[in-house]
């Protein structure tokens, strides 16, 4: 069984597993399935609104898809999530991505 299938099976058993959902989204990114990745990152952010890296990687995928305004909004949401969690490292990475986007 490949990683995608294994993660889908984990999520079928436990849909609230944030780590598995993040892993599935990242596998979609690696596979070039960016729309699917965005959908999973958004699901993750919906179930765990403070999971800052979901916003970061979602923003990156949106940039690759050319959806720059959505990427900006997503990065902004990520900054808020990082602030809520007190995660200075995530906040720095998200701010840097936002700054590069312009």
C-alpha atoms as a PDB file:
ATOM      1  CA  UNK A   1       0.000   0.000   0.000  1.00  0.00           C
ATOM      2  CA  UNK A   2       1.386   3.422  -0.878  1.00  0.00           C
ATOM      3  CA  UNK A   3       1.482   6.384   1.484  1.00  0.00           C
ATOM      4  CA  UNK A   4      -1.573   8.066  -0.004  1.00  0.00           C
ATOM      5  CA  UNK A   5      -3.689   4.972   0.534  1.00  0.00           C
ATOM      6  CA  UNK A   6      -2.306   4.411   4.021  1.00  0.00           C
ATOM      7  CA  UNK A   7      -3.130   7.984   5.037  1.00  0.00           C
ATOM      8  CA  UNK A   8      -6.596   7.778   3.500  1.00  0.00           C
ATOM      9  CA  UNK A   9      -7.207   4.596   5.486  1.00  0.00           C
ATOM     10  CA  UNK A  10      -6.054   6.286   8.697  1.00  0.00           C
ATOM     11  CA  UNK A  11      -8.413   9.179   8.043  1.00  0.00           C
ATOM     12  CA  UNK A  12     -11.289   6.818   7.280  1.00  0.00           C
ATOM     13  CA  UNK A  13     -10.785   5.372  10.761  1.00  0.00           C
ATOM     14  CA  UNK A  14     -10.128   8.730  12.458  1.00  0.00           C
ATOM     15  CA  UNK A  15     -11.227  11.766  10.396  1.00  0.00           C
ATOM     16  CA  UNK A  16     -10.099  14.144  13.173  1.00  0.00           C
ATOM     17  CA  UNK A  17      -6.458  12.992  12.984  1.00  0.00           C
ATOM     18  CA  UNK A  18      -4.739  16.287  12.163  1.00  0.00           C
ATOM     19  CA  UNK A  19      -1.317  14.712  11.672  1.00  0.00           C
ATOM     20  CA  UNK A  20      -2.661  12.194   9.141  1.00  0.00           C
ATOM     21  CA  UNK A  21      -4.589  14.900   7.274  1.00  0.00           C
ATOM     22  CA  UNK A  22      -1.456  17.074   7.117  1.00  0.00           C
ATOM     23  CA  UNK A  23       0.512  14.077   5.846  1.00  0.00           C
ATOM     24  CA  UNK A  24      -2.098  13.359   3.175  1.00  0.00           C
ATOM     25  CA  UNK A  25      -2.031  16.974   2.005  1.00  0.00           C
ATOM     26  CA  UNK A  26       1.771  16.907   1.815  1.00  0.00           C
ATOM     27  CA  UNK A  27       1.665  13.658  -0.175  1.00  0.00           C
ATOM     28  CA  UNK A  28      -0.700  15.349  -2.622  1.00  0.00           C
ATOM     29  CA  UNK A  29       1.775  18.218  -2.958  1.00  0.00           C
ATOM     30  CA  UNK A  30       4.604  15.761  -3.674  1.00  0.00           C
ATOM     31  CA  UNK A  31       2.427  14.045  -6.285  1.00  0.00           C
ATOM     32  CA  UNK A  32       1.640  17.382  -7.958  1.00  0.00           C
ATOM     33  CA  UNK A  33      -2.048  17.076  -7.071  1.00  0.00           C
ATOM     34  CA  UNK A  34      -2.256  20.662  -5.851  1.00  0.00           C
ATOM     35  CA  UNK A  35      -6.046  21.063  -5.919  1.00  0.00           C
ATOM     36  CA  UNK A  36      -6.393  17.982  -3.724  1.00  0.00           C
ATOM     37  CA  UNK A  37      -3.654  19.305  -1.438  1.00  0.00           C
ATOM     38  CA  UNK A  38      -5.428  22.660  -1.067  1.00  0.00           C
ATOM     39  CA  UNK A  39      -8.673  20.867  -0.228  1.00  0.00           C
ATOM     40  CA  UNK A  40      -6.961  18.782   2.478  1.00  0.00           C
ATOM     41  CA  UNK A  41      -5.105  21.756   3.956  1.00  0.00           C
ATOM     42  CA  UNK A  42      -8.416  23.620   4.138  1.00  0.00           C
ATOM     43  CA  UNK A  43     -10.108  20.645   5.810  1.00  0.00           C
ATOM     44  CA  UNK A  44      -7.269  20.547   8.315  1.00  0.00           C
ATOM     45  CA  UNK A  45      -7.550  24.278   9.031  1.00  0.00           C
ATOM     46  CA  UNK A  46     -11.296  23.828   9.453  1.00  0.00           C
ATOM     47  CA  UNK A  47     -10.871  21.150  12.090  1.00  0.00           C
ATOM     48  CA  UNK A  48      -7.785  22.648  13.771  1.00  0.00           C
ATOM     49  CA  UNK A  49      -7.769  26.391  13.137  1.00  0.00           C
ATOM     50  CA  UNK A  50      -4.450  26.835  14.971  1.00  0.00           C
ATOM     51  CA  UNK A  51      -2.484  24.398  12.757  1.00  0.00           C
ATOM     52  CA  UNK A  52      -0.325  27.193  11.288  1.00  0.00           C
ATOM     53  CA  UNK A  53       1.597  25.053   8.811  1.00  0.00           C
ATOM     54  CA  UNK A  54      -1.656  24.022   7.130  1.00  0.00           C
ATOM     55  CA  UNK A  55      -2.048  27.659   6.095  1.00  0.00           C
ATOM     56  CA  UNK A  56       1.605  27.981   5.108  1.00  0.00           C
ATOM     57  CA  UNK A  57       1.621  24.962   2.811  1.00  0.00           C
ATOM     58  CA  UNK A  58      -1.857  25.733   1.493  1.00  0.00           C
ATOM     59  CA  UNK A  59      -0.623  29.203   0.556  1.00  0.00           C
ATOM     60  CA  UNK A  60       2.357  27.705  -1.226  1.00  0.00           C
ATOM     61  CA  UNK A  61       0.127  25.353  -3.206  1.00  0.00           C
ATOM     62  CA  UNK A  62      -2.182  28.233  -4.101  1.00  0.00           C
ATOM     63  CA  UNK A  63       0.809  30.224  -5.338  1.00  0.00           C
ATOM     64  CA  UNK A  64       1.812  27.333  -7.599  1.00  0.00           C
ATOM     65  CA  UNK A  65      -1.739  27.288  -8.935  1.00  0.00           C
ATOM     66  CA  UNK A  66      -1.478  31.024  -9.683  1.00  0.00           C
ATOM     67  CA  UNK A  67      -4.172  31.906  -7.146  1.00  0.00           C
ATOM     68  CA  UNK A  68      -2.169  34.689  -5.539  1.00  0.00           C
ATOM     69  CA  UNK A  69      -4.949  36.591  -3.770  1.00  0.00           C
ATOM     70  CA  UNK A  70      -6.151  33.370  -2.130  1.00  0.00           C
ATOM     71  CA  UNK A  71      -2.554  32.646  -1.134  1.00  0.00           C
ATOM     72  CA  UNK A  72      -2.271  36.085   0.507  1.00  0.00           C
ATOM     73  CA  UNK A  73      -5.493  35.548   2.453  1.00  0.00           C
ATOM     74  CA  UNK A  74      -4.369  32.094   3.510  1.00  0.00           C
ATOM     75  CA  UNK A  75      -1.003  33.396   4.706  1.00  0.00           C
ATOM     76  CA  UNK A  76      -2.810  36.086   6.715  1.00  0.00           C
ATOM     77  CA  UNK A  77      -4.939  33.399   8.360  1.00  0.00           C
ATOM     78  CA  UNK A  78      -1.736  31.467   9.056  1.00  0.00           C
ATOM     79  CA  UNK A  79      -0.192  34.457  10.798  1.00  0.00           C
ATOM     80  CA  UNK A  80      -3.252  34.647  13.035  1.00  0.00           C
ATOM     81  CA  UNK A  81      -3.062  30.905  13.758  1.00  0.00           C
ATOM     82  CA  UNK A  82       0.638  31.116  14.608  1.00  0.00           C
ATOM     83  CA  UNK A  83      -0.044  34.063  16.916  1.00  0.00           C
ATOM     84  CA  UNK A  84      -2.839  32.162  18.693  1.00  0.00           C
ATOM     85  CA  UNK A  85      -0.519  29.222  19.231  1.00  0.00           C
ATOM     86  CA  UNK A  86       2.469  31.411  20.134  1.00  0.00           C
ATOM     87  CA  UNK A  87       4.546  29.778  17.386  1.00  0.00           C
ATOM     88  CA  UNK A  88       7.169  32.373  16.467  1.00  0.00           C
ATOM     89  CA  UNK A  89       8.938  30.046  14.020  1.00  0.00           C
ATOM     90  CA  UNK A  90       5.806  29.367  11.977  1.00  0.00           C
ATOM     91  CA  UNK A  91       4.926  33.035  12.130  1.00  0.00           C
ATOM     92  CA  UNK A  92       8.348  33.960  10.724  1.00  0.00           C
ATOM     93  CA  UNK A  93       8.083  31.476   7.873  1.00  0.00           C
ATOM     94  CA  UNK A  94       4.575  32.563   6.960  1.00  0.00           C
ATOM     95  CA  UNK A  95       5.519  36.250   7.124  1.00  0.00           C
ATOM     96  CA  UNK A  96       8.517  35.598   4.850  1.00  0.00           C
ATOM     97  CA  UNK A  97       6.261  33.847   2.311  1.00  0.00           C
ATOM     98  CA  UNK A  98       3.798  36.716   2.474  1.00  0.00           C
ATOM     99  CA  UNK A  99       6.579  39.257   2.015  1.00  0.00           C
ATOM    100  CA  UNK A 100       7.901  37.401  -1.043  1.00  0.00           C
ATOM    101  CA  UNK A 101       4.427  37.352  -2.514  1.00  0.00           C
ATOM    102  CA  UNK A 102       4.301  41.129  -2.243  1.00  0.00           C
END
